[in-house]
Amino acid sequence: MEWNAIIEFINPELLIVVAACWIIGYVLKQTPRIPDWTIIYAVTVVAVAFAIVMLGFTPQSVLQGILCGAVAVYGNQLVKQAKKSGDE
């Protein structure tokens, strides 16, 4: 899948939210008391909150937040899997 196609769905002013969510996910992953399965939910909640603050409370801002969180997690997994396949 091409990143350009994915990025077209996200409001350009929210790309900083994607970067912030990526960092938040990384920090949560390094935290021993946080189970891995909760990271996706935490990142999504933070992304939706950021999107609502930046765009106002609308259904579109909630959807944009979900997309930002999803792209951050997907991008992280894509990088991890690419590194893992290179090690084999």
PDB file of N, CA and C in Angstrom:
ATOM      1  N   MET A   1       0.837  -1.169   0.000  1.00  0.00           N
ATOM      2  CA  MET A   1       0.000   0.000   0.000  1.00  0.00           C
ATOM      3  C   MET A   1       0.886   1.238   0.000  1.00  0.00           C
ATOM      4  N   GLU A   2       0.467   2.221  -0.721  1.00  0.00           N
ATOM      5  CA  GLU A   2       1.239   3.450  -0.838  1.00  0.00           C
ATOM      6  C   GLU A   2       0.887   4.416   0.285  1.00  0.00           C
ATOM      7  N   TRP A   3       1.899   5.019   0.888  1.00  0.00           N
ATOM      8  CA  TRP A   3       1.669   5.971   1.970  1.00  0.00           C
ATOM      9  C   TRP A   3       0.910   7.199   1.489  1.00  0.00           C
ATOM     10  N   ASN A   4       1.125   7.591   0.237  1.00  0.00           N
ATOM     11  CA  ASN A   4       0.433   8.771  -0.284  1.00  0.00           C
ATOM     12  C   ASN A   4      -1.075   8.597  -0.256  1.00  0.00           C
ATOM     13  N   ALA A   5      -1.542   7.394  -0.550  1.00  0.00           N
ATOM     14  CA  ALA A   5      -2.984   7.131  -0.527  1.00  0.00           C
ATOM     15  C   ALA A   5      -3.537   7.250   0.889  1.00  0.00           C
ATOM     16  N   ILE A   6      -2.774   6.786   1.859  1.00  0.00           N
ATOM     17  CA  ILE A   6      -3.226   6.858   3.251  1.00  0.00           C
ATOM     18  C   ILE A   6      -3.210   8.295   3.739  1.00  0.00           C
ATOM     19  N   ILE A   7      -2.152   9.010   3.434  1.00  0.00           N
ATOM     20  CA  ILE A   7      -2.002  10.381   3.909  1.00  0.00           C
ATOM     21  C   ILE A   7      -3.091  11.292   3.335  1.00  0.00           C
ATOM     22  N   GLU A   8      -3.597  10.992   2.155  1.00  0.00           N
ATOM     23  CA  GLU A   8      -4.658  11.815   1.568  1.00  0.00           C
ATOM     24  C   GLU A   8      -5.933  11.803   2.399  1.00  0.00           C
ATOM     25  N   PHE A   9      -6.143  10.748   3.186  1.00  0.00           N
ATOM     26  CA  PHE A   9      -7.339  10.662   4.017  1.00  0.00           C
ATOM     27  C   PHE A   9      -7.235  11.499   5.279  1.00  0.00           C
ATOM     28  N   ILE A  10      -6.018  11.802   5.697  1.00  0.00           N
ATOM     29  CA  ILE A  10      -5.814  12.528   6.950  1.00  0.00           C
ATOM     30  C   ILE A  10      -5.642  14.012   6.664  1.00  0.00           C
ATOM     31  N   ASN A  11      -6.332  14.819   7.443  1.00  0.00           N
ATOM     32  CA  ASN A  11      -6.223  16.270   7.345  1.00  0.00           C
ATOM     33  C   ASN A  11      -4.752  16.656   7.543  1.00  0.00           C
ATOM     34  N   PRO A  12      -4.166  17.447   6.636  1.00  0.00           N
ATOM     35  CA  PRO A  12      -2.730  17.772   6.729  1.00  0.00           C
ATOM     36  C   PRO A  12      -2.303  18.397   8.062  1.00  0.00           C
ATOM     37  N   GLU A  13      -3.168  19.170   8.683  1.00  0.00           N
ATOM     38  CA  GLU A  13      -2.786  19.781   9.962  1.00  0.00           C
ATOM     39  C   GLU A  13      -2.729  18.769  11.103  1.00  0.00           C
ATOM     40  N   LEU A  14      -3.219  17.550  10.860  1.00  0.00           N
ATOM     41  CA  LEU A  14      -3.186  16.515  11.886  1.00  0.00           C
ATOM     42  C   LEU A  14      -2.005  15.556  11.738  1.00  0.00           C
ATOM     43  N   LEU A  15      -1.129  15.808  10.799  1.00  0.00           N
ATOM     44  CA  LEU A  15       0.042  14.934  10.653  1.00  0.00           C
ATOM     45  C   LEU A  15       0.937  15.001  11.890  1.00  0.00           C
ATOM     46  N   ILE A  16       0.927  16.119  12.575  1.00  0.00           N
ATOM     47  CA  ILE A  16       1.674  16.224  13.827  1.00  0.00           C
ATOM     48  C   ILE A  16       1.079  15.292  14.886  1.00  0.00           C
ATOM     49  N   VAL A  17      -0.224  15.060  14.810  1.00  0.00           N
ATOM     50  CA  VAL A  17      -0.872  14.128  15.742  1.00  0.00           C
ATOM     51  C   VAL A  17      -0.378  12.705  15.482  1.00  0.00           C
ATOM     52  N   VAL A  18      -0.189  12.353  14.218  1.00  0.00           N
ATOM     53  CA  VAL A  18       0.346  11.029  13.886  1.00  0.00           C
ATOM     54  C   VAL A  18       1.732  10.863  14.496  1.00  0.00           C
ATOM     55  N   ALA A  19       2.569  11.871  14.343  1.00  0.00           N
ATOM     56  CA  ALA A  19       3.922  11.805  14.905  1.00  0.00           C
ATOM     57  C   ALA A  19       3.876  11.726  16.429  1.00  0.00           C
ATOM     58  N   ALA A  20       3.013  12.514  17.045  1.00  0.00           N
ATOM     59  CA  ALA A  20       2.890  12.493  18.504  1.00  0.00           C
ATOM     60  C   ALA A  20       2.403  11.131  18.987  1.00  0.00           C
ATOM     61  N   CYS A  21       1.459  10.548  18.277  1.00  0.00           N
ATOM     62  CA  CYS A  21       0.933   9.235  18.654  1.00  0.00           C
ATOM     63  C   CYS A  21       1.996   8.155  18.500  1.00  0.00           C
ATOM     64  N   TRP A  22       2.817   8.278  17.484  1.00  0.00           N
ATOM     65  CA  TRP A  22       3.905   7.313  17.293  1.00  0.00           C
ATOM     66  C   TRP A  22       4.843   7.358  18.498  1.00  0.00           C
ATOM     67  N   ILE A  23       5.180   8.559  18.931  1.00  0.00           N
ATOM     68  CA  ILE A  23       6.071   8.727  20.082  1.00  0.00           C
ATOM     69  C   ILE A  23       5.402   8.225  21.358  1.00  0.00           C
ATOM     70  N   ILE A  24       4.136   8.555  21.536  1.00  0.00           N
ATOM     71  CA  ILE A  24       3.406   8.098  22.727  1.00  0.00           C
ATOM     72  C   ILE A  24       3.347   6.578  22.754  1.00  0.00           C
ATOM     73  N   GLY A  25       3.087   5.958  21.610  1.00  0.00           N
ATOM     74  CA  GLY A  25       3.069   4.497  21.537  1.00  0.00           C
ATOM     75  C   GLY A  25       4.418   3.896  21.883  1.00  0.00           C
ATOM     76  N   TYR A  26       5.482   4.520  21.421  1.00  0.00           N
ATOM     77  CA  TYR A  26       6.830   4.035  21.724  1.00  0.00           C
ATOM     78  C   TYR A  26       7.116   4.127  23.227  1.00  0.00           C
ATOM     79  N   VAL A  27       6.740   5.253  23.819  1.00  0.00           N
ATOM     80  CA  VAL A  27       6.961   5.439  25.258  1.00  0.00           C
ATOM     81  C   VAL A  27       6.142   4.424  26.049  1.00  0.00           C
ATOM     82  N   LEU A  28       4.900   4.210  25.656  1.00  0.00           N
ATOM     83  CA  LEU A  28       4.067   3.232  26.354  1.00  0.00           C
ATOM     84  C   LEU A  28       4.632   1.815  26.219  1.00  0.00           C
ATOM     85  N   LYS A  29       5.192   1.515  25.077  1.00  0.00           N
ATOM     86  CA  LYS A  29       5.792   0.196  24.862  1.00  0.00           C
ATOM     87  C   LYS A  29       6.974  -0.019  25.795  1.00  0.00           C
ATOM     88  N   GLN A  30       7.701   1.024  26.108  1.00  0.00           N
ATOM     89  CA  GLN A  30       8.862   0.929  26.988  1.00  0.00           C
ATOM     90  C   GLN A  30       8.473   0.897  28.465  1.00  0.00           C
ATOM     91  N   THR A  31       7.212   1.181  28.768  1.00  0.00           N
ATOM     92  CA  THR A  31       6.747   1.205  30.150  1.00  0.00           C
ATOM     93  C   THR A  31       6.353  -0.208  30.573  1.00  0.00           C
ATOM     94  N   PRO A  32       7.038  -0.774  31.567  1.00  0.00           N
ATOM     95  CA  PRO A  32       6.800  -2.173  31.913  1.00  0.00           C
ATOM     96  C   PRO A  32       5.402  -2.471  32.463  1.00  0.00           C
ATOM     97  N   ARG A  33       4.764  -1.526  33.110  1.00  0.00           N
ATOM     98  CA  ARG A  33       3.451  -1.786  33.729  1.00  0.00           C
ATOM     99  C   ARG A  33       2.287  -1.687  32.752  1.00  0.00           C
ATOM    100  N   ILE A  34       2.536  -1.253  31.541  1.00  0.00           N
ATOM    101  CA  ILE A  34       1.476  -1.101  30.547  1.00  0.00           C
ATOM    102  C   ILE A  34       1.450  -2.354  29.666  1.00  0.00           C
ATOM    103  N   PRO A  35       0.353  -3.113  29.670  1.00  0.00           N
ATOM    104  CA  PRO A  35       0.280  -4.284  28.793  1.00  0.00           C
ATOM    105  C   PRO A  35       0.248  -3.854  27.321  1.00  0.00           C
ATOM    106  N   ASP A  36       0.873  -4.654  26.465  1.00  0.00           N
ATOM    107  CA  ASP A  36       0.954  -4.312  25.045  1.00  0.00           C
ATOM    108  C   ASP A  36      -0.419  -4.138  24.402  1.00  0.00           C
ATOM    109  N   TRP A  37      -1.391  -4.939  24.822  1.00  0.00           N
ATOM    110  CA  TRP A  37      -2.700  -4.884  24.172  1.00  0.00           C
ATOM    111  C   TRP A  37      -3.434  -3.572  24.444  1.00  0.00           C
ATOM    112  N   THR A  38      -3.033  -2.819  25.465  1.00  0.00           N
ATOM    113  CA  THR A  38      -3.710  -1.558  25.774  1.00  0.00           C
ATOM    114  C   THR A  38      -3.135  -0.370  25.007  1.00  0.00           C
ATOM    115  N   ILE A  39      -1.981  -0.554  24.400  1.00  0.00           N
ATOM    116  CA  ILE A  39      -1.316   0.571  23.731  1.00  0.00           C
ATOM    117  C   ILE A  39      -2.160   1.107  22.585  1.00  0.00           C
ATOM    118  N   ILE A  40      -2.743   0.254  21.783  1.00  0.00           N
ATOM    119  CA  ILE A  40      -3.553   0.710  20.641  1.00  0.00           C
ATOM    120  C   ILE A  40      -4.733   1.554  21.117  1.00  0.00           C
ATOM    121  N   TYR A  41      -5.350   1.148  22.217  1.00  0.00           N
ATOM    122  CA  TYR A  41      -6.485   1.903  22.738  1.00  0.00           C
ATOM    123  C   TYR A  41      -6.047   3.257  23.290  1.00  0.00           C
ATOM    124  N   ALA A  42      -4.942   3.275  24.002  1.00  0.00           N
ATOM    125  CA  ALA A  42      -4.436   4.531  24.556  1.00  0.00           C
ATOM    126  C   ALA A  42      -4.054   5.503  23.447  1.00  0.00           C
ATOM    127  N   VAL A  43      -3.364   5.001  22.433  1.00  0.00           N
ATOM    128  CA  VAL A  43      -2.958   5.852  21.306  1.00  0.00           C
ATOM    129  C   VAL A  43      -4.183   6.388  20.575  1.00  0.00           C
ATOM    130  N   THR A  44      -5.194   5.564  20.396  1.00  0.00           N
ATOM    131  CA  THR A  44      -6.407   6.007  19.705  1.00  0.00           C
ATOM    132  C   THR A  44      -7.141   7.080  20.510  1.00  0.00           C
ATOM    133  N   VAL A  45      -7.254   6.889  21.812  1.00  0.00           N
ATOM    134  CA  VAL A  45      -7.931   7.882  22.658  1.00  0.00           C
ATOM    135  C   VAL A  45      -7.181   9.214  22.615  1.00  0.00           C
ATOM    136  N   VAL A  46      -5.870   9.166  22.698  1.00  0.00           N
ATOM    137  CA  VAL A  46      -5.064  10.393  22.638  1.00  0.00           C
ATOM    138  C   VAL A  46      -5.221  11.069  21.276  1.00  0.00           C
ATOM    139  N   ALA A  47      -5.208  10.286  20.209  1.00  0.00           N
ATOM    140  CA  ALA A  47      -5.347  10.855  18.862  1.00  0.00           C
ATOM    141  C   ALA A  47      -6.711  11.518  18.681  1.00  0.00           C
ATOM    142  N   VAL A  48      -7.750  10.876  19.153  1.00  0.00           N
ATOM    143  CA  VAL A  48      -9.094  11.464  19.047  1.00  0.00           C
ATOM    144  C   VAL A  48      -9.168  12.751  19.870  1.00  0.00           C
ATOM    145  N   ALA A  49      -8.586  12.733  21.062  1.00  0.00           N
ATOM    146  CA  ALA A  49      -8.594  13.937  21.897  1.00  0.00           C
ATOM    147  C   ALA A  49      -7.853  15.084  21.216  1.00  0.00           C
ATOM    148  N   PHE A  50      -6.674  14.798  20.659  1.00  0.00           N
ATOM    149  CA  PHE A  50      -5.927  15.833  19.941  1.00  0.00           C
ATOM    150  C   PHE A  50      -6.712  16.372  18.749  1.00  0.00           C
ATOM    151  N   ALA A  51      -7.335  15.486  18.002  1.00  0.00           N
ATOM    152  CA  ALA A  51      -8.096  15.909  16.826  1.00  0.00           C
ATOM    153  C   ALA A  51      -9.291  16.777  17.225  1.00  0.00           C
ATOM    154  N   ILE A  52      -9.952  16.413  18.312  1.00  0.00           N
ATOM    155  CA  ILE A  52     -11.088  17.216  18.777  1.00  0.00           C
ATOM    156  C   ILE A  52     -10.613  18.597  19.227  1.00  0.00           C
ATOM    157  N   VAL A  53      -9.491  18.649  19.907  1.00  0.00           N
ATOM    158  CA  VAL A  53      -8.956  19.944  20.351  1.00  0.00           C
ATOM    159  C   VAL A  53      -8.592  20.809  19.146  1.00  0.00           C
ATOM    160  N   MET A  54      -8.017  20.192  18.121  1.00  0.00           N
ATOM    161  CA  MET A  54      -7.547  20.965  16.965  1.00  0.00           C
ATOM    162  C   MET A  54      -8.669  21.333  16.000  1.00  0.00           C
ATOM    163  N   LEU A  55      -9.662  20.437  15.838  1.00  0.00           N
ATOM    164  CA  LEU A  55     -10.700  20.656  14.828  1.00  0.00           C
ATOM    165  C   LEU A  55     -12.074  20.968  15.398  1.00  0.00           C
ATOM    166  N   GLY A  56     -12.238  20.807  16.697  1.00  0.00           N
ATOM    167  CA  GLY A  56     -13.562  20.970  17.295  1.00  0.00           C
ATOM    168  C   GLY A  56     -14.260  19.619  17.376  1.00  0.00           C
ATOM    169  N   PHE A  57     -15.324  19.573  18.162  1.00  0.00           N
ATOM    170  CA  PHE A  57     -16.022  18.307  18.372  1.00  0.00           C
ATOM    171  C   PHE A  57     -17.032  18.079  17.254  1.00  0.00           C
ATOM    172  N   THR A  58     -16.616  17.311  16.265  1.00  0.00           N
ATOM    173  CA  THR A  58     -17.482  16.914  15.160  1.00  0.00           C
ATOM    174  C   THR A  58     -17.237  15.441  14.867  1.00  0.00           C
ATOM    175  N   PRO A  59     -18.161  14.790  14.187  1.00  0.00           N
ATOM    176  CA  PRO A  59     -17.917  13.397  13.806  1.00  0.00           C
ATOM    177  C   PRO A  59     -16.662  13.240  12.939  1.00  0.00           C
ATOM    178  N   GLN A  60     -16.394  14.233  12.095  1.00  0.00           N
ATOM    179  CA  GLN A  60     -15.208  14.159  11.243  1.00  0.00           C
ATOM    180  C   GLN A  60     -13.925  14.221  12.070  1.00  0.00           C
ATOM    181  N   SER A  61     -13.896  15.027  13.124  1.00  0.00           N
ATOM    182  CA  SER A  61     -12.688  15.096  13.938  1.00  0.00           C
ATOM    183  C   SER A  61     -12.459  13.790  14.690  1.00  0.00           C
ATOM    184  N   VAL A  62     -13.536  13.133  15.117  1.00  0.00           N
ATOM    185  CA  VAL A  62     -13.391  11.829  15.769  1.00  0.00           C
ATOM    186  C   VAL A  62     -12.825  10.816  14.774  1.00  0.00           C
ATOM    187  N   LEU A  63     -13.361  10.812  13.561  1.00  0.00           N
ATOM    188  CA  LEU A  63     -12.858   9.911  12.523  1.00  0.00           C
ATOM    189  C   LEU A  63     -11.409  10.219  12.180  1.00  0.00           C
ATOM    190  N   GLN A  64     -11.063  11.490  12.088  1.00  0.00           N
ATOM    191  CA  GLN A  64      -9.681  11.876  11.808  1.00  0.00           C
ATOM    192  C   GLN A  64      -8.745  11.408  12.920  1.00  0.00           C
ATOM    193  N   GLY A  65      -9.199  11.502  14.159  1.00  0.00           N
ATOM    194  CA  GLY A  65      -8.400  11.023  15.281  1.00  0.00           C
ATOM    195  C   GLY A  65      -8.174   9.526  15.213  1.00  0.00           C
ATOM    196  N   ILE A  66      -9.219   8.784  14.887  1.00  0.00           N
ATOM    197  CA  ILE A  66      -9.080   7.336  14.746  1.00  0.00           C
ATOM    198  C   ILE A  66      -8.097   7.002  13.632  1.00  0.00           C
ATOM    199  N   LEU A  67      -8.185   7.712  12.521  1.00  0.00           N
ATOM    200  CA  LEU A  67      -7.249   7.489  11.414  1.00  0.00           C
ATOM    201  C   LEU A  67      -5.817   7.816  11.820  1.00  0.00           C
ATOM    202  N   CYS A  68      -5.625   8.894  12.552  1.00  0.00           N
ATOM    203  CA  CYS A  68      -4.275   9.272  12.997  1.00  0.00           C
ATOM    204  C   CYS A  68      -3.689   8.197  13.906  1.00  0.00           C
ATOM    205  N   GLY A  69      -4.476   7.723  14.851  1.00  0.00           N
ATOM    206  CA  GLY A  69      -4.011   6.665  15.741  1.00  0.00           C
ATOM    207  C   GLY A  69      -3.699   5.386  14.986  1.00  0.00           C
ATOM    208  N   ALA A  70      -4.569   5.047  14.045  1.00  0.00           N
ATOM    209  CA  ALA A  70      -4.364   3.828  13.260  1.00  0.00           C
ATOM    210  C   ALA A  70      -3.108   3.917  12.396  1.00  0.00           C
ATOM    211  N   VAL A  71      -2.877   5.049  11.778  1.00  0.00           N
ATOM    212  CA  VAL A  71      -1.693   5.210  10.937  1.00  0.00           C
ATOM    213  C   VAL A  71      -0.423   5.165  11.779  1.00  0.00           C
ATOM    214  N   ALA A  72      -0.469   5.737  12.974  1.00  0.00           N
ATOM    215  CA  ALA A  72       0.702   5.699  13.853  1.00  0.00           C
ATOM    216  C   ALA A  72       1.044   4.264  14.242  1.00  0.00           C
ATOM    217  N   VAL A  73       0.037   3.491  14.639  1.00  0.00           N
ATOM    218  CA  VAL A  73       0.273   2.107  15.052  1.00  0.00           C
ATOM    219  C   VAL A  73       0.680   1.259  13.844  1.00  0.00           C
ATOM    220  N   TYR A  74      -0.011   1.437  12.723  1.00  0.00           N
ATOM    221  CA  TYR A  74       0.310   0.677  11.518  1.00  0.00           C
ATOM    222  C   TYR A  74       1.723   1.003  11.044  1.00  0.00           C
ATOM    223  N   GLY A  75       2.081   2.273  11.065  1.00  0.00           N
ATOM    224  CA  GLY A  75       3.428   2.665  10.637  1.00  0.00           C
ATOM    225  C   GLY A  75       4.494   2.069  11.527  1.00  0.00           C
ATOM    226  N   ASN A  76       4.235   2.053  12.824  1.00  0.00           N
ATOM    227  CA  ASN A  76       5.181   1.453  13.758  1.00  0.00           C
ATOM    228  C   ASN A  76       5.338  -0.037  13.465  1.00  0.00           C
ATOM    229  N   GLN A  77       4.245  -0.726  13.269  1.00  0.00           N
ATOM    230  CA  GLN A  77       4.307  -2.160  12.981  1.00  0.00           C
ATOM    231  C   GLN A  77       4.987  -2.433  11.641  1.00  0.00           C
ATOM    232  N   LEU A  78       4.748  -1.571  10.672  1.00  0.00           N
ATOM    233  CA  LEU A  78       5.381  -1.736   9.363  1.00  0.00           C
ATOM    234  C   LEU A  78       6.897  -1.647   9.483  1.00  0.00           C
ATOM    235  N   VAL A  79       7.376  -0.685  10.249  1.00  0.00           N
ATOM    236  CA  VAL A  79       8.817  -0.525  10.450  1.00  0.00           C
ATOM    237  C   VAL A  79       9.380  -1.729  11.208  1.00  0.00           C
ATOM    238  N   LYS A  80       8.699  -2.150  12.276  1.00  0.00           N
ATOM    239  CA  LYS A  80       9.155  -3.291  13.061  1.00  0.00           C
ATOM    240  C   LYS A  80       9.215  -4.567  12.228  1.00  0.00           C
ATOM    241  N   GLN A  81       8.201  -4.817  11.420  1.00  0.00           N
ATOM    242  CA  GLN A  81       8.172  -6.027  10.617  1.00  0.00           C
ATOM    243  C   GLN A  81       9.217  -5.975   9.502  1.00  0.00           C
ATOM    244  N   ALA A  82       9.458  -4.798   8.958  1.00  0.00           N
ATOM    245  CA  ALA A  82      10.478  -4.662   7.921  1.00  0.00           C
ATOM    246  C   ALA A  82      11.860  -4.956   8.503  1.00  0.00           C
ATOM    247  N   LYS A  83      12.112  -4.471   9.720  1.00  0.00           N
ATOM    248  CA  LYS A  83      13.392  -4.763  10.383  1.00  0.00           C
ATOM    249  C   LYS A  83      13.509  -6.249  10.705  1.00  0.00           C
ATOM    250  N   LYS A  84      12.407  -6.835  11.147  1.00  0.00           N
ATOM    251  CA  LYS A  84      12.413  -8.251  11.514  1.00  0.00           C
ATOM    252  C   LYS A  84      12.665  -9.130  10.290  1.00  0.00           C
ATOM    253  N   SER A  85      12.071  -8.809   9.150  1.00  0.00           N
ATOM    254  CA  SER A  85      12.279  -9.609   7.943  1.00  0.00           C
ATOM    255  C   SER A  85      13.687  -9.421   7.399  1.00  0.00           C
ATOM    256  N   GLY A  86      14.317  -8.294   7.672  1.00  0.00           N
ATOM    257  CA  GLY A  86      15.694  -8.058   7.249  1.00  0.00           C
ATOM    258  C   GLY A  86      16.686  -8.833   8.071  1.00  0.00           C
ATOM    259  N   ASP A  87      16.309  -9.198   9.314  1.00  0.00           N
ATOM    260  CA  ASP A  87      17.185  -9.953  10.198  1.00  0.00           C
ATOM    261  C   ASP A  87      17.261 -11.430   9.824  1.00  0.00           C
ATOM    262  N   GLU A  88      16.253 -11.921   9.165  1.00  0.00           N
ATOM    263  CA  GLU A  88      16.183 -13.361   8.854  1.00  0.00           C
ATOM    264  C   GLU A  88      17.123 -13.755   7.746  1.00  0.00           C
TER     265      GLU A  88
END
